Structure formats: C-alpha cells, structure tokens
Amino acid sequence: MSFAFCFDREDDIYQFAYCYPYTYSRLQHYLASLERRNLDYLQREQLGLSVYNTLNDLQRWKREGGNEEKESRMRLQQLGLQ
C-alpha cells in the first residue's frame, strides 16, 4: 500500500491510521453478539435502511459515574479484549 499526501499547513497536526479490511457483515455479527449479552451500558436501535437495504443503526455506549479507568478495564475484560 502506498499513498501521497501534501502537508499544506505547518500549524496542523496530521495523523494517519491503517486498519485491515473489516466487512459490514462482520461488524453486524459482532454487534449482535454484544446485544445478546444484554450489556447495561450498550443500547442499539435501528435508524433506518441504506439505499443498499443495509441497517443504519444508532449505538449508545453509556458510562455511569465511578472510576472511569477501572470501568473501562472491566468492560474490555467482559468483551474479551484485555
């Protein structure tokens, strides 16, 4: 992979990221698996359908008071990401 970019402003901060391909289907399966767990901090609802008849949804990730760092770590562990 290669690309060209012109840095046209010296005072801006530029950041680049790369991610391996992640399909819409894979994302929907993952979100459905989270939804089945009835997690109290995740709400998902359908907003509508795209022109390709795919789901456009709204995801709400809630955080209620307490130690944010500890809660984040616990949630990552629950999701199997830590």
PDB file of N, CA and C in Angstrom:
ATOM      1  N   MET A   1       0.838  -1.156   0.000  1.00  0.00           N
ATOM      2  CA  MET A   1       0.000   0.000   0.000  1.00  0.00           C
ATOM      3  C   MET A   1       0.892   1.231   0.000  1.00  0.00           C
ATOM      4  N   SER A   2       0.501   2.204  -0.770  1.00  0.00           N
ATOM      5  CA  SER A   2       1.211   3.476  -0.749  1.00  0.00           C
ATOM      6  C   SER A   2       0.229   4.589  -1.076  1.00  0.00           C
ATOM      7  N   PHE A   3       0.550   5.779  -0.636  1.00  0.00           N
ATOM      8  CA  PHE A   3      -0.270   6.930  -0.944  1.00  0.00           C
ATOM      9  C   PHE A   3       0.595   8.177  -0.846  1.00  0.00           C
ATOM     10  N   ALA A   4       0.104   9.251  -1.404  1.00  0.00           N
ATOM     11  CA  ALA A   4       0.802  10.527  -1.349  1.00  0.00           C
ATOM     12  C   ALA A   4      -0.088  11.528  -0.638  1.00  0.00           C
ATOM     13  N   PHE A   5       0.531  12.392   0.144  1.00  0.00           N
ATOM     14  CA  PHE A   5      -0.226  13.407   0.873  1.00  0.00           C
ATOM     15  C   PHE A   5       0.583  14.694   0.888  1.00  0.00           C
ATOM     16  N   CYS A   6      -0.094  15.789   0.693  1.00  0.00           N
ATOM     17  CA  CYS A   6       0.563  17.088   0.702  1.00  0.00           C
ATOM     18  C   CYS A   6       0.288  17.774   2.039  1.00  0.00           C
ATOM     19  N   PHE A   7       1.343  18.041   2.808  1.00  0.00           N
ATOM     20  CA  PHE A   7       1.220  18.739   4.075  1.00  0.00           C
ATOM     21  C   PHE A   7       1.173  20.231   3.787  1.00  0.00           C
ATOM     22  N   ASP A   8      -0.035  20.783   3.763  1.00  0.00           N
ATOM     23  CA  ASP A   8      -0.194  22.161   3.318  1.00  0.00           C
ATOM     24  C   ASP A   8      -0.252  23.193   4.443  1.00  0.00           C
ATOM     25  N   ARG A   9      -0.300  22.755   5.699  1.00  0.00           N
ATOM     26  CA  ARG A   9      -0.348  23.702   6.815  1.00  0.00           C
ATOM     27  C   ARG A   9       0.625  23.269   7.896  1.00  0.00           C
ATOM     28  N   GLU A  10       1.560  24.116   8.211  1.00  0.00           N
ATOM     29  CA  GLU A  10       2.583  23.787   9.207  1.00  0.00           C
ATOM     30  C   GLU A  10       2.024  23.713  10.625  1.00  0.00           C
ATOM     31  N   ASP A  11       0.954  24.473  10.902  1.00  0.00           N
ATOM     32  CA  ASP A  11       0.429  24.528  12.258  1.00  0.00           C
ATOM     33  C   ASP A  11      -0.577  23.415  12.572  1.00  0.00           C
ATOM     34  N   ASP A  12      -0.908  22.591  11.603  1.00  0.00           N
ATOM     35  CA  ASP A  12      -1.835  21.483  11.842  1.00  0.00           C
ATOM     36  C   ASP A  12      -1.104  20.235  12.306  1.00  0.00           C
ATOM     37  N   ILE A  13      -1.838  19.372  12.974  1.00  0.00           N
ATOM     38  CA  ILE A  13      -1.317  18.055  13.367  1.00  0.00           C
ATOM     39  C   ILE A  13      -1.940  17.030  12.434  1.00  0.00           C
ATOM     40  N   TYR A  14      -1.117  16.248  11.817  1.00  0.00           N
ATOM     41  CA  TYR A  14      -1.590  15.232  10.889  1.00  0.00           C
ATOM     42  C   TYR A  14      -1.423  13.854  11.514  1.00  0.00           C
ATOM     43  N   GLN A  15      -2.442  13.036  11.362  1.00  0.00           N
ATOM     44  CA  GLN A  15      -2.386  11.674  11.874  1.00  0.00           C
ATOM     45  C   GLN A  15      -2.878  10.727  10.791  1.00  0.00           C
ATOM     46  N   PHE A  16      -2.213   9.605  10.672  1.00  0.00           N
ATOM     47  CA  PHE A  16      -2.607   8.597   9.701  1.00  0.00           C
ATOM     48  C   PHE A  16      -2.875   7.293  10.434  1.00  0.00           C
ATOM     49  N   ALA A  17      -3.823   6.547   9.943  1.00  0.00           N
ATOM     50  CA  ALA A  17      -4.142   5.256  10.556  1.00  0.00           C
ATOM     51  C   ALA A  17      -4.373   4.234   9.449  1.00  0.00           C
ATOM     52  N   TYR A  18      -4.089   3.012   9.766  1.00  0.00           N
ATOM     53  CA  TYR A  18      -4.325   1.917   8.836  1.00  0.00           C
ATOM     54  C   TYR A  18      -5.071   0.826   9.583  1.00  0.00           C
ATOM     55  N   CYS A  19      -6.044   0.261   8.944  1.00  0.00           N
ATOM     56  CA  CYS A  19      -6.797  -0.832   9.551  1.00  0.00           C
ATOM     57  C   CYS A  19      -7.019  -1.897   8.488  1.00  0.00           C
ATOM     58  N   TYR A  20      -6.913  -3.132   8.884  1.00  0.00           N
ATOM     59  CA  TYR A  20      -7.179  -4.205   7.940  1.00  0.00           C
ATOM     60  C   TYR A  20      -8.658  -4.182   7.564  1.00  0.00           C
ATOM     61  N   PRO A  21      -9.025  -4.724   6.415  1.00  0.00           N
ATOM     62  CA  PRO A  21     -10.428  -4.696   5.982  1.00  0.00           C
ATOM     63  C   PRO A  21     -11.355  -5.370   6.998  1.00  0.00           C
ATOM     64  N   TYR A  22     -12.454  -4.725   7.268  1.00  0.00           N
ATOM     65  CA  TYR A  22     -13.440  -5.208   8.229  1.00  0.00           C
ATOM     66  C   TYR A  22     -14.798  -5.051   7.569  1.00  0.00           C
ATOM     67  N   THR A  23     -15.459  -6.147   7.282  1.00  0.00           N
ATOM     68  CA  THR A  23     -16.694  -6.091   6.499  1.00  0.00           C
ATOM     69  C   THR A  23     -17.883  -5.635   7.329  1.00  0.00           C
ATOM     70  N   TYR A  24     -18.865  -5.127   6.649  1.00  0.00           N
ATOM     71  CA  TYR A  24     -20.120  -4.731   7.283  1.00  0.00           C
ATOM     72  C   TYR A  24     -20.763  -5.934   7.964  1.00  0.00           C
ATOM     73  N   SER A  25     -20.764  -7.071   7.291  1.00  0.00           N
ATOM     74  CA  SER A  25     -21.364  -8.290   7.859  1.00  0.00           C
ATOM     75  C   SER A  25     -20.677  -8.692   9.157  1.00  0.00           C
ATOM     76  N   ARG A  26     -19.357  -8.625   9.162  1.00  0.00           N
ATOM     77  CA  ARG A  26     -18.608  -8.992  10.366  1.00  0.00           C
ATOM     78  C   ARG A  26     -18.942  -8.035  11.513  1.00  0.00           C
ATOM     79  N   LEU A  27     -19.040  -6.748  11.219  1.00  0.00           N
ATOM     80  CA  LEU A  27     -19.403  -5.761  12.226  1.00  0.00           C
ATOM     81  C   LEU A  27     -20.797  -6.046  12.783  1.00  0.00           C
ATOM     82  N   GLN A  28     -21.761  -6.329  11.903  1.00  0.00           N
ATOM     83  CA  GLN A  28     -23.128  -6.596  12.354  1.00  0.00           C
ATOM     84  C   GLN A  28     -23.199  -7.849  13.222  1.00  0.00           C
ATOM     85  N   HIS A  29     -22.443  -8.885  12.879  1.00  0.00           N
ATOM     86  CA  HIS A  29     -22.407 -10.094  13.701  1.00  0.00           C
ATOM     87  C   HIS A  29     -21.822  -9.795  15.084  1.00  0.00           C
ATOM     88  N   TYR A  30     -20.780  -9.008  15.110  1.00  0.00           N
ATOM     89  CA  TYR A  30     -20.149  -8.652  16.383  1.00  0.00           C
ATOM     90  C   TYR A  30     -21.104  -7.843  17.256  1.00  0.00           C
ATOM     91  N   LEU A  31     -21.755  -6.835  16.653  1.00  0.00           N
ATOM     92  CA  LEU A  31     -22.694  -6.014  17.414  1.00  0.00           C
ATOM     93  C   LEU A  31     -23.879  -6.839  17.907  1.00  0.00           C
ATOM     94  N   ALA A  32     -24.342  -7.777  17.099  1.00  0.00           N
ATOM     95  CA  ALA A  32     -25.447  -8.650  17.518  1.00  0.00           C
ATOM     96  C   ALA A  32     -25.032  -9.518  18.696  1.00  0.00           C
ATOM     97  N   SER A  33     -23.781  -9.992  18.691  1.00  0.00           N
ATOM     98  CA  SER A  33     -23.311 -10.809  19.816  1.00  0.00           C
ATOM     99  C   SER A  33     -23.238  -9.982  21.098  1.00  0.00           C
ATOM    100  N   LEU A  34     -22.867  -8.710  20.991  1.00  0.00           N
ATOM    101  CA  LEU A  34     -22.861  -7.833  22.160  1.00  0.00           C
ATOM    102  C   LEU A  34     -24.286  -7.579  22.644  1.00  0.00           C
ATOM    103  N   GLU A  35     -25.185  -7.388  21.700  1.00  0.00           N
ATOM    104  CA  GLU A  35     -26.577  -7.119  22.044  1.00  0.00           C
ATOM    105  C   GLU A  35     -27.210  -8.307  22.784  1.00  0.00           C
ATOM    106  N   ARG A  36     -26.868  -9.525  22.375  1.00  0.00           N
ATOM    107  CA  ARG A  36     -27.403 -10.729  23.024  1.00  0.00           C
ATOM    108  C   ARG A  36     -26.944 -10.853  24.475  1.00  0.00           C
ATOM    109  N   ARG A  37     -25.846 -10.204  24.812  1.00  0.00           N
ATOM    110  CA  ARG A  37     -25.330 -10.268  26.179  1.00  0.00           C
ATOM    111  C   ARG A  37     -26.088  -9.353  27.134  1.00  0.00           C
ATOM    112  N   ASN A  38     -27.000  -8.534  26.603  1.00  0.00           N
ATOM    113  CA  ASN A  38     -27.787  -7.604  27.418  1.00  0.00           C
ATOM    114  C   ASN A  38     -26.903  -6.746  28.321  1.00  0.00           C
ATOM    115  N   LEU A  39     -25.885  -6.168  27.743  1.00  0.00           N
ATOM    116  CA  LEU A  39     -24.973  -5.308  28.490  1.00  0.00           C
ATOM    117  C   LEU A  39     -25.701  -4.025  28.883  1.00  0.00           C
ATOM    118  N   ASP A  40     -25.596  -3.648  30.142  1.00  0.00           N
ATOM    119  CA  ASP A  40     -26.336  -2.483  30.625  1.00  0.00           C
ATOM    120  C   ASP A  40     -25.810  -1.155  30.082  1.00  0.00           C
ATOM    121  N   TYR A  41     -24.639  -1.136  29.522  1.00  0.00           N
ATOM    122  CA  TYR A  41     -24.065   0.115  29.023  1.00  0.00           C
ATOM    123  C   TYR A  41     -24.142   0.259  27.504  1.00  0.00           C
ATOM    124  N   LEU A  42     -24.787  -0.691  26.821  1.00  0.00           N
ATOM    125  CA  LEU A  42     -24.917  -0.622  25.362  1.00  0.00           C
ATOM    126  C   LEU A  42     -26.379  -0.651  24.963  1.00  0.00           C
ATOM    127  N   GLN A  43     -26.767   0.325  24.173  1.00  0.00           N
ATOM    128  CA  GLN A  43     -28.094   0.336  23.570  1.00  0.00           C
ATOM    129  C   GLN A  43     -27.909   0.476  22.067  1.00  0.00           C
ATOM    130  N   ARG A  44     -28.701  -0.260  21.335  1.00  0.00           N
ATOM    131  CA  ARG A  44     -28.616  -0.232  19.877  1.00  0.00           C
ATOM    132  C   ARG A  44     -30.020  -0.190  19.316  1.00  0.00           C
ATOM    133  N   GLU A  45     -30.251   0.724  18.391  1.00  0.00           N
ATOM    134  CA  GLU A  45     -31.571   0.799  17.774  1.00  0.00           C
ATOM    135  C   GLU A  45     -31.431   1.114  16.288  1.00  0.00           C
ATOM    136  N   GLN A  46     -32.408   0.662  15.536  1.00  0.00           N
ATOM    137  CA  GLN A  46     -32.395   0.861  14.093  1.00  0.00           C
ATOM    138  C   GLN A  46     -32.872   2.263  13.754  1.00  0.00           C
ATOM    139  N   LEU A  47     -32.075   2.973  12.952  1.00  0.00           N
ATOM    140  CA  LEU A  47     -32.463   4.297  12.479  1.00  0.00           C
ATOM    141  C   LEU A  47     -33.174   4.211  11.140  1.00  0.00           C
ATOM    142  N   GLY A  48     -32.801   3.237  10.332  1.00  0.00           N
ATOM    143  CA  GLY A  48     -33.390   3.081   9.013  1.00  0.00           C
ATOM    144  C   GLY A  48     -32.547   2.140   8.176  1.00  0.00           C
ATOM    145  N   LEU A  49     -32.817   2.136   6.884  1.00  0.00           N
ATOM    146  CA  LEU A  49     -32.073   1.304   5.956  1.00  0.00           C
ATOM    147  C   LEU A  49     -31.379   2.179   4.926  1.00  0.00           C
ATOM    148  N   SER A  50     -30.226   1.726   4.473  1.00  0.00           N
ATOM    149  CA  SER A  50     -29.494   2.460   3.446  1.00  0.00           C
ATOM    150  C   SER A  50     -30.112   2.182   2.083  1.00  0.00           C
ATOM    151  N   VAL A  51     -29.609   2.845   1.057  1.00  0.00           N
ATOM    152  CA  VAL A  51     -30.101   2.600  -0.303  1.00  0.00           C
ATOM    153  C   VAL A  51     -29.780   1.178  -0.750  1.00  0.00           C
ATOM    154  N   TYR A  52     -28.806   0.537  -0.082  1.00  0.00           N
ATOM    155  CA  TYR A  52     -28.457  -0.856  -0.388  1.00  0.00           C
ATOM    156  C   TYR A  52     -29.208  -1.824   0.514  1.00  0.00           C
ATOM    157  N   ASN A  53     -30.190  -1.293   1.269  1.00  0.00           N
ATOM    158  CA  ASN A  53     -31.027  -2.089   2.157  1.00  0.00           C
ATOM    159  C   ASN A  53     -30.244  -2.711   3.312  1.00  0.00           C
ATOM    160  N   THR A  54     -29.226  -2.011   3.778  1.00  0.00           N
ATOM    161  CA  THR A  54     -28.482  -2.456   4.954  1.00  0.00           C
ATOM    162  C   THR A  54     -28.865  -1.585   6.138  1.00  0.00           C
ATOM    163  N   LEU A  55     -28.726  -2.137   7.317  1.00  0.00           N
ATOM    164  CA  LEU A  55     -29.137  -1.481   8.545  1.00  0.00           C
ATOM    165  C   LEU A  55     -28.260  -0.268   8.870  1.00  0.00           C
ATOM    166  N   ASN A  56     -28.900   0.842   9.157  1.00  0.00           N
ATOM    167  CA  ASN A  56     -28.223   2.003   9.731  1.00  0.00           C
ATOM    168  C   ASN A  56     -28.689   2.078  11.169  1.00  0.00           C
ATOM    169  N   ASP A  57     -27.778   1.876  12.098  1.00  0.00           N
ATOM    170  CA  ASP A  57     -28.204   1.858  13.484  1.00  0.00           C
ATOM    171  C   ASP A  57     -27.505   2.909  14.322  1.00  0.00           C
ATOM    172  N   LEU A  58     -28.087   3.165  15.471  1.00  0.00           N
ATOM    173  CA  LEU A  58     -27.538   4.079  16.452  1.00  0.00           C
ATOM    174  C   LEU A  58     -27.078   3.247  17.631  1.00  0.00           C
ATOM    175  N   GLN A  59     -25.840   3.467  18.047  1.00  0.00           N
ATOM    176  CA  GLN A  59     -25.295   2.758  19.205  1.00  0.00           C
ATOM    177  C   GLN A  59     -25.035   3.777  20.289  1.00  0.00           C
ATOM    178  N   ARG A  60     -25.499   3.466  21.482  1.00  0.00           N
ATOM    179  CA  ARG A  60     -25.249   4.332  22.638  1.00  0.00           C
ATOM    180  C   ARG A  60     -24.446   3.542  23.646  1.00  0.00           C
ATOM    181  N   TRP A  61     -23.284   4.034  23.954  1.00  0.00           N
ATOM    182  CA  TRP A  61     -22.406   3.421  24.953  1.00  0.00           C
ATOM    183  C   TRP A  61     -22.434   4.332  26.165  1.00  0.00           C
ATOM    184  N   LYS A  62     -23.019   3.850  27.258  1.00  0.00           N
ATOM    185  CA  LYS A  62     -23.182   4.668  28.459  1.00  0.00           C
ATOM    186  C   LYS A  62     -22.077   4.406  29.469  1.00  0.00           C
ATOM    187  N   ARG A  63     -21.763   5.450  30.201  1.00  0.00           N
ATOM    188  CA  ARG A  63     -20.828   5.310  31.313  1.00  0.00           C
ATOM    189  C   ARG A  63     -21.435   6.065  32.485  1.00  0.00           C
ATOM    190  N   GLU A  64     -21.642   5.372  33.556  1.00  0.00           N
ATOM    191  CA  GLU A  64     -22.208   5.995  34.751  1.00  0.00           C
ATOM    192  C   GLU A  64     -21.112   6.181  35.771  1.00  0.00           C
ATOM    193  N   GLY A  65     -21.025   7.356  36.397  1.00  0.00           N
ATOM    194  CA  GLY A  65     -20.067   7.687  37.448  1.00  0.00           C
ATOM    195  C   GLY A  65     -19.066   6.613  37.826  1.00  0.00           C
ATOM    196  N   GLY A  66     -18.312   6.856  38.840  1.00  0.00           N
ATOM    197  CA  GLY A  66     -17.347   5.876  39.301  1.00  0.00           C
ATOM    198  C   GLY A  66     -15.990   6.068  38.664  1.00  0.00           C
ATOM    199  N   ASN A  67     -15.131   5.096  38.881  1.00  0.00           N
ATOM    200  CA  ASN A  67     -13.767   5.132  38.383  1.00  0.00           C
ATOM    201  C   ASN A  67     -13.760   4.759  36.901  1.00  0.00           C
ATOM    202  N   GLU A  68     -13.572   5.751  36.032  1.00  0.00           N
ATOM    203  CA  GLU A  68     -13.641   5.517  34.589  1.00  0.00           C
ATOM    204  C   GLU A  68     -12.597   4.517  34.120  1.00  0.00           C
ATOM    205  N   GLU A  69     -11.378   4.631  34.629  1.00  0.00           N
ATOM    206  CA  GLU A  69     -10.313   3.724  34.198  1.00  0.00           C
ATOM    207  C   GLU A  69     -10.645   2.291  34.596  1.00  0.00           C
ATOM    208  N   LYS A  70     -11.105   2.105  35.819  1.00  0.00           N
ATOM    209  CA  LYS A  70     -11.460   0.766  36.296  1.00  0.00           C
ATOM    210  C   LYS A  70     -12.629   0.202  35.495  1.00  0.00           C
ATOM    211  N   GLU A  71     -13.660   1.035  35.240  1.00  0.00           N
ATOM    212  CA  GLU A  71     -14.812   0.589  34.468  1.00  0.00           C
ATOM    213  C   GLU A  71     -14.399   0.206  33.050  1.00  0.00           C
ATOM    214  N   SER A  72     -13.536   1.012  32.441  1.00  0.00           N
ATOM    215  CA  SER A  72     -13.089   0.718  31.076  1.00  0.00           C
ATOM    216  C   SER A  72     -12.362  -0.622  31.032  1.00  0.00           C
ATOM    217  N   ARG A  73     -11.491  -0.860  32.027  1.00  0.00           N
ATOM    218  CA  ARG A  73     -10.762  -2.113  32.078  1.00  0.00           C
ATOM    219  C   ARG A  73     -11.713  -3.295  32.243  1.00  0.00           C
ATOM    220  N   MET A  74     -12.714  -3.125  33.116  1.00  0.00           N
ATOM    221  CA  MET A  74     -13.679  -4.197  33.352  1.00  0.00           C
ATOM    222  C   MET A  74     -14.471  -4.493  32.085  1.00  0.00           C
ATOM    223  N   ARG A  75     -14.857  -3.460  31.370  1.00  0.00           N
ATOM    224  CA  ARG A  75     -15.633  -3.659  30.144  1.00  0.00           C
ATOM    225  C   ARG A  75     -14.806  -4.344  29.070  1.00  0.00           C
ATOM    226  N   LEU A  76     -13.537  -3.964  28.952  1.00  0.00           N
ATOM    227  CA  LEU A  76     -12.666  -4.635  27.992  1.00  0.00           C
ATOM    228  C   LEU A  76     -12.522  -6.109  28.333  1.00  0.00           C
ATOM    229  N   GLN A  77     -12.426  -6.407  29.619  1.00  0.00           N
ATOM    230  CA  GLN A  77     -12.320  -7.806  30.023  1.00  0.00           C
ATOM    231  C   GLN A  77     -13.608  -8.554  29.702  1.00  0.00           C
ATOM    232  N   GLN A  78     -14.762  -7.923  29.939  1.00  0.00           N
ATOM    233  CA  GLN A  78     -16.043  -8.556  29.628  1.00  0.00           C
ATOM    234  C   GLN A  78     -16.176  -8.845  28.141  1.00  0.00           C
ATOM    235  N   LEU A  79     -15.606  -7.966  27.332  1.00  0.00           N
ATOM    236  CA  LEU A  79     -15.672  -8.147  25.885  1.00  0.00           C
ATOM    237  C   LEU A  79     -14.575  -9.074  25.366  1.00  0.00           C
ATOM    238  N   GLY A  80     -13.703  -9.507  26.254  1.00  0.00           N
ATOM    239  CA  GLY A  80     -12.606 -10.383  25.844  1.00  0.00           C
ATOM    240  C   GLY A  80     -11.496  -9.651  25.122  1.00  0.00           C
ATOM    241  N   LEU A  81     -11.363  -8.349  25.363  1.00  0.00           N
ATOM    242  CA  LEU A  81     -10.359  -7.557  24.664  1.00  0.00           C
ATOM    243  C   LEU A  81      -9.149  -7.234  25.519  1.00  0.00           C
ATOM    244  N   GLN A  82      -9.139  -7.696  26.751  1.00  0.00           N
ATOM    245  CA  GLN A  82      -7.973  -7.422  27.598  1.00  0.00           C
ATOM    246  C   GLN A  82      -7.628  -8.639  28.414  1.00  0.00           C
TER     247      GLN A  82
END
